[in-house]
């Protein structure tokens, strides 16, 4: 999907303040613990990219909250924890 399509689909650029307001409407509040996994294109055209999304989440949960972000590589083989080195 190109930039123009994303802008049209999201009703204009998605900003930090718009994301923070939307997250608040979803019920996120200061002090919450949040685990996030997202496909950026699902949010629309985010002005500032991933930094804007992270900043908006941190604005909402505040310093008392916890933000966890999953990351992974779909093409990486599963790790075998039975071979974990013993200290």
N, C-alpha and C. Protein backbone atom coordinates (compact mmCIF):
# COMPACT_ATOMS: atom_id res chain seq x y z
N UNK A 1 0.86 -1.17 0.00
CA UNK A 1 0.00 0.00 0.00
C UNK A 1 0.90 1.23 0.00
N UNK A 2 0.64 2.17 -0.89
CA UNK A 2 1.50 3.35 -0.96
C UNK A 2 1.06 4.41 0.05
N UNK A 3 1.87 5.44 0.17
CA UNK A 3 1.66 6.50 1.16
C UNK A 3 0.31 7.20 1.00
N UNK A 4 -0.08 7.50 -0.22
CA UNK A 4 -1.36 8.18 -0.47
C UNK A 4 -2.54 7.32 -0.01
N UNK A 5 -2.48 6.03 -0.27
CA UNK A 5 -3.55 5.13 0.16
C UNK A 5 -3.63 5.06 1.68
N UNK A 6 -2.46 5.01 2.35
CA UNK A 6 -2.45 4.99 3.81
C UNK A 6 -3.03 6.27 4.39
N UNK A 7 -2.66 7.42 3.81
CA UNK A 7 -3.20 8.70 4.28
C UNK A 7 -4.72 8.73 4.15
N UNK A 8 -5.22 8.31 3.01
CA UNK A 8 -6.66 8.32 2.77
C UNK A 8 -7.37 7.37 3.74
N UNK A 9 -6.83 6.16 3.89
CA UNK A 9 -7.47 5.15 4.74
C UNK A 9 -7.50 5.56 6.21
N UNK A 10 -6.49 6.27 6.66
CA UNK A 10 -6.42 6.64 8.08
C UNK A 10 -7.02 8.01 8.36
N UNK A 11 -7.60 8.65 7.36
CA UNK A 11 -8.23 9.95 7.59
C UNK A 11 -7.22 11.04 7.85
N UNK A 12 -6.06 10.96 7.25
CA UNK A 12 -4.99 11.93 7.46
C UNK A 12 -3.88 11.29 8.26
N UNK A 13 -2.81 12.04 8.49
CA UNK A 13 -1.69 11.46 9.23
C UNK A 13 -2.08 11.14 10.68
N UNK A 14 -1.62 10.01 11.16
CA UNK A 14 -1.84 9.63 12.55
C UNK A 14 -0.71 10.25 13.36
N UNK A 15 -1.07 11.10 14.32
CA UNK A 15 -0.08 11.82 15.12
C UNK A 15 0.04 11.22 16.51
N UNK A 16 1.05 11.64 17.22
CA UNK A 16 1.27 11.19 18.60
C UNK A 16 0.07 11.51 19.48
N UNK A 17 -0.45 12.72 19.39
CA UNK A 17 -1.59 13.11 20.23
C UNK A 17 -2.85 12.34 19.84
N UNK A 18 -3.03 12.11 18.55
CA UNK A 18 -4.20 11.33 18.10
C UNK A 18 -4.12 9.89 18.60
N UNK A 19 -2.93 9.29 18.50
CA UNK A 19 -2.76 7.92 19.01
C UNK A 19 -3.00 7.86 20.51
N UNK A 20 -2.43 8.81 21.25
CA UNK A 20 -2.60 8.82 22.70
C UNK A 20 -4.08 8.95 23.08
N UNK A 21 -4.80 9.82 22.38
CA UNK A 21 -6.23 9.98 22.65
C UNK A 21 -6.99 8.69 22.33
N UNK A 22 -6.68 8.07 21.21
CA UNK A 22 -7.34 6.81 20.83
C UNK A 22 -7.05 5.71 21.83
N UNK A 23 -5.81 5.62 22.29
CA UNK A 23 -5.45 4.61 23.29
C UNK A 23 -6.20 4.84 24.60
N UNK A 24 -6.36 6.11 24.98
CA UNK A 24 -7.14 6.44 26.16
C UNK A 24 -8.59 6.03 26.02
N UNK A 25 -9.15 6.25 24.83
CA UNK A 25 -10.54 5.84 24.58
C UNK A 25 -10.70 4.33 24.63
N UNK A 26 -9.63 3.61 24.34
CA UNK A 26 -9.67 2.14 24.43
C UNK A 26 -9.55 1.65 25.87
N UNK A 27 -9.24 2.57 26.80
CA UNK A 27 -9.19 2.19 28.20
C UNK A 27 -7.82 2.17 28.83
N UNK A 28 -6.77 2.50 28.08
CA UNK A 28 -5.43 2.55 28.67
C UNK A 28 -5.34 3.75 29.60
N UNK A 29 -4.71 3.54 30.74
CA UNK A 29 -4.55 4.63 31.72
C UNK A 29 -3.14 4.58 32.30
N UNK A 30 -2.79 5.65 33.00
CA UNK A 30 -1.50 5.72 33.68
C UNK A 30 -1.33 4.52 34.59
N UNK A 31 -0.12 3.98 34.57
CA UNK A 31 0.20 2.87 35.45
C UNK A 31 -0.10 1.50 34.87
N UNK A 32 -0.75 1.45 33.71
CA UNK A 32 -1.06 0.16 33.09
C UNK A 32 0.21 -0.56 32.64
N UNK A 33 0.10 -1.87 32.55
CA UNK A 33 1.12 -2.70 31.92
C UNK A 33 0.56 -3.12 30.57
N UNK A 34 1.29 -2.83 29.51
CA UNK A 34 0.80 -3.06 28.16
C UNK A 34 1.82 -3.87 27.36
N UNK A 35 1.34 -4.90 26.69
CA UNK A 35 2.18 -5.66 25.76
C UNK A 35 1.70 -5.37 24.36
N UNK A 36 2.60 -4.92 23.49
CA UNK A 36 2.22 -4.45 22.17
C UNK A 36 2.86 -5.30 21.07
N UNK A 37 2.06 -5.62 20.09
CA UNK A 37 2.54 -6.23 18.85
C UNK A 37 1.66 -5.64 17.76
N UNK A 38 2.25 -4.96 16.81
CA UNK A 38 1.43 -4.31 15.79
C UNK A 38 2.07 -4.40 14.42
N UNK A 39 1.24 -4.28 13.44
CA UNK A 39 1.67 -4.11 12.05
C UNK A 39 1.43 -2.63 11.77
N UNK A 40 2.49 -1.89 11.55
CA UNK A 40 2.38 -0.44 11.42
C UNK A 40 1.37 -0.01 10.36
N UNK A 41 1.27 -0.73 9.27
CA UNK A 41 0.33 -0.33 8.22
C UNK A 41 -1.12 -0.42 8.69
N UNK A 42 -1.38 -1.21 9.73
CA UNK A 42 -2.74 -1.31 10.26
C UNK A 42 -3.16 -0.01 10.96
N UNK A 43 -2.18 0.79 11.37
CA UNK A 43 -2.49 2.06 12.04
C UNK A 43 -2.74 3.19 11.06
N UNK A 44 -2.35 3.01 9.83
CA UNK A 44 -2.45 4.08 8.84
C UNK A 44 -1.10 4.74 8.68
N UNK A 45 -1.12 5.96 8.11
CA UNK A 45 0.13 6.69 7.91
C UNK A 45 0.49 7.39 9.21
N UNK A 46 1.48 6.86 9.93
CA UNK A 46 1.88 7.41 11.22
C UNK A 46 3.02 8.40 10.99
N UNK A 47 2.74 9.68 11.28
CA UNK A 47 3.77 10.72 11.16
C UNK A 47 4.85 10.44 12.20
N UNK A 48 6.06 10.17 11.74
CA UNK A 48 7.16 9.89 12.66
C UNK A 48 7.42 8.40 12.85
N UNK A 49 6.57 7.56 12.29
CA UNK A 49 6.79 6.12 12.32
C UNK A 49 6.72 5.48 13.70
N UNK A 50 7.55 4.48 13.90
CA UNK A 50 7.50 3.70 15.13
C UNK A 50 7.79 4.53 16.38
N UNK A 51 8.64 5.54 16.25
CA UNK A 51 8.94 6.40 17.40
C UNK A 51 7.68 7.08 17.91
N UNK A 52 6.82 7.53 17.00
CA UNK A 52 5.57 8.18 17.38
C UNK A 52 4.67 7.22 18.14
N UNK A 53 4.58 5.98 17.69
CA UNK A 53 3.74 4.98 18.35
C UNK A 53 4.25 4.71 19.77
N UNK A 54 5.54 4.51 19.91
CA UNK A 54 6.12 4.24 21.23
C UNK A 54 5.93 5.44 22.15
N UNK A 55 6.18 6.64 21.65
CA UNK A 55 6.01 7.85 22.46
C UNK A 55 4.56 8.01 22.92
N UNK A 56 3.60 7.73 22.03
CA UNK A 56 2.18 7.84 22.40
C UNK A 56 1.83 6.83 23.49
N UNK A 57 2.32 5.60 23.35
CA UNK A 57 2.07 4.59 24.38
C UNK A 57 2.66 5.01 25.72
N UNK A 58 3.89 5.53 25.70
CA UNK A 58 4.52 5.99 26.93
C UNK A 58 3.81 7.20 27.52
N UNK A 59 3.28 8.08 26.67
CA UNK A 59 2.50 9.22 27.16
C UNK A 59 1.30 8.74 27.97
N UNK A 60 0.66 7.68 27.50
CA UNK A 60 -0.56 7.19 28.15
C UNK A 60 -0.25 6.43 29.43
N UNK A 61 0.68 5.48 29.40
CA UNK A 61 0.94 4.68 30.60
C UNK A 61 1.79 5.42 31.63
N UNK A 62 2.54 6.42 31.18
CA UNK A 62 3.33 7.24 32.09
C UNK A 62 4.50 6.48 32.70
N UNK A 63 5.25 7.18 33.57
CA UNK A 63 6.43 6.55 34.18
C UNK A 63 6.08 5.42 35.14
N UNK A 64 4.84 5.39 35.62
CA UNK A 64 4.42 4.32 36.52
C UNK A 64 4.05 3.05 35.76
N UNK A 65 3.84 3.15 34.47
CA UNK A 65 3.41 2.01 33.66
C UNK A 65 4.57 1.22 33.11
N UNK A 66 4.22 0.11 32.49
CA UNK A 66 5.22 -0.76 31.87
C UNK A 66 4.80 -1.02 30.43
N UNK A 67 5.73 -0.85 29.52
CA UNK A 67 5.48 -1.10 28.11
C UNK A 67 6.39 -2.24 27.65
N UNK A 68 5.77 -3.30 27.16
CA UNK A 68 6.52 -4.44 26.62
C UNK A 68 6.21 -4.51 25.13
N UNK A 69 7.24 -4.71 24.34
CA UNK A 69 7.04 -4.80 22.89
C UNK A 69 7.62 -6.12 22.42
N UNK A 70 6.78 -6.92 21.79
CA UNK A 70 7.26 -8.20 21.27
C UNK A 70 8.02 -7.96 19.97
N UNK A 71 9.01 -8.75 19.78
CA UNK A 71 9.72 -8.71 18.51
C UNK A 71 10.18 -10.12 18.20
N UNK A 72 10.30 -10.39 16.96
CA UNK A 72 10.71 -11.73 16.59
C UNK A 72 11.00 -11.78 15.12
N UNK A 73 11.56 -12.85 14.74
CA UNK A 73 11.89 -13.07 13.35
C UNK A 73 11.22 -14.35 12.93
N UNK A 74 10.27 -14.23 12.02
CA UNK A 74 9.50 -15.39 11.59
C UNK A 74 10.35 -16.46 10.92
N UNK A 75 11.48 -16.06 10.36
CA UNK A 75 12.31 -17.05 9.67
C UNK A 75 13.39 -17.66 10.56
N UNK A 76 13.45 -17.25 11.83
CA UNK A 76 14.44 -17.81 12.74
C UNK A 76 13.95 -19.16 13.27
N UNK A 77 14.84 -20.12 13.38
CA UNK A 77 14.41 -21.42 13.92
C UNK A 77 14.10 -21.29 15.41
N UNK A 78 13.21 -22.11 15.93
CA UNK A 78 12.91 -22.07 17.37
C UNK A 78 14.17 -22.38 18.18
N UNK A 79 14.31 -21.72 19.31
CA UNK A 79 15.49 -21.95 20.16
C UNK A 79 15.22 -23.16 21.05
N UNK A 80 16.18 -24.04 21.13
CA UNK A 80 16.06 -25.24 21.97
C UNK A 80 16.66 -24.93 23.34
N UNK A 81 15.80 -24.72 24.34
CA UNK A 81 16.26 -24.33 25.67
C UNK A 81 16.89 -25.50 26.42
N UNK A 82 16.76 -26.72 25.92
CA UNK A 82 17.41 -27.85 26.59
C UNK A 82 18.93 -27.78 26.46
N UNK A 83 19.41 -27.01 25.49
CA UNK A 83 20.86 -26.84 25.31
C UNK A 83 21.39 -25.55 25.95
N UNK A 84 20.56 -24.91 26.77
CA UNK A 84 20.97 -23.66 27.43
C UNK A 84 22.20 -23.93 28.30
N UNK A 85 23.25 -23.12 28.16
CA UNK A 85 24.47 -23.38 28.95
C UNK A 85 24.23 -23.13 30.45
N UNK A 86 24.74 -24.00 31.26
CA UNK A 86 24.63 -23.86 32.71
C UNK A 86 25.74 -22.94 33.21
N UNK A 87 25.44 -21.99 34.09
CA UNK A 87 26.51 -21.11 34.62
C UNK A 87 27.43 -21.85 35.57
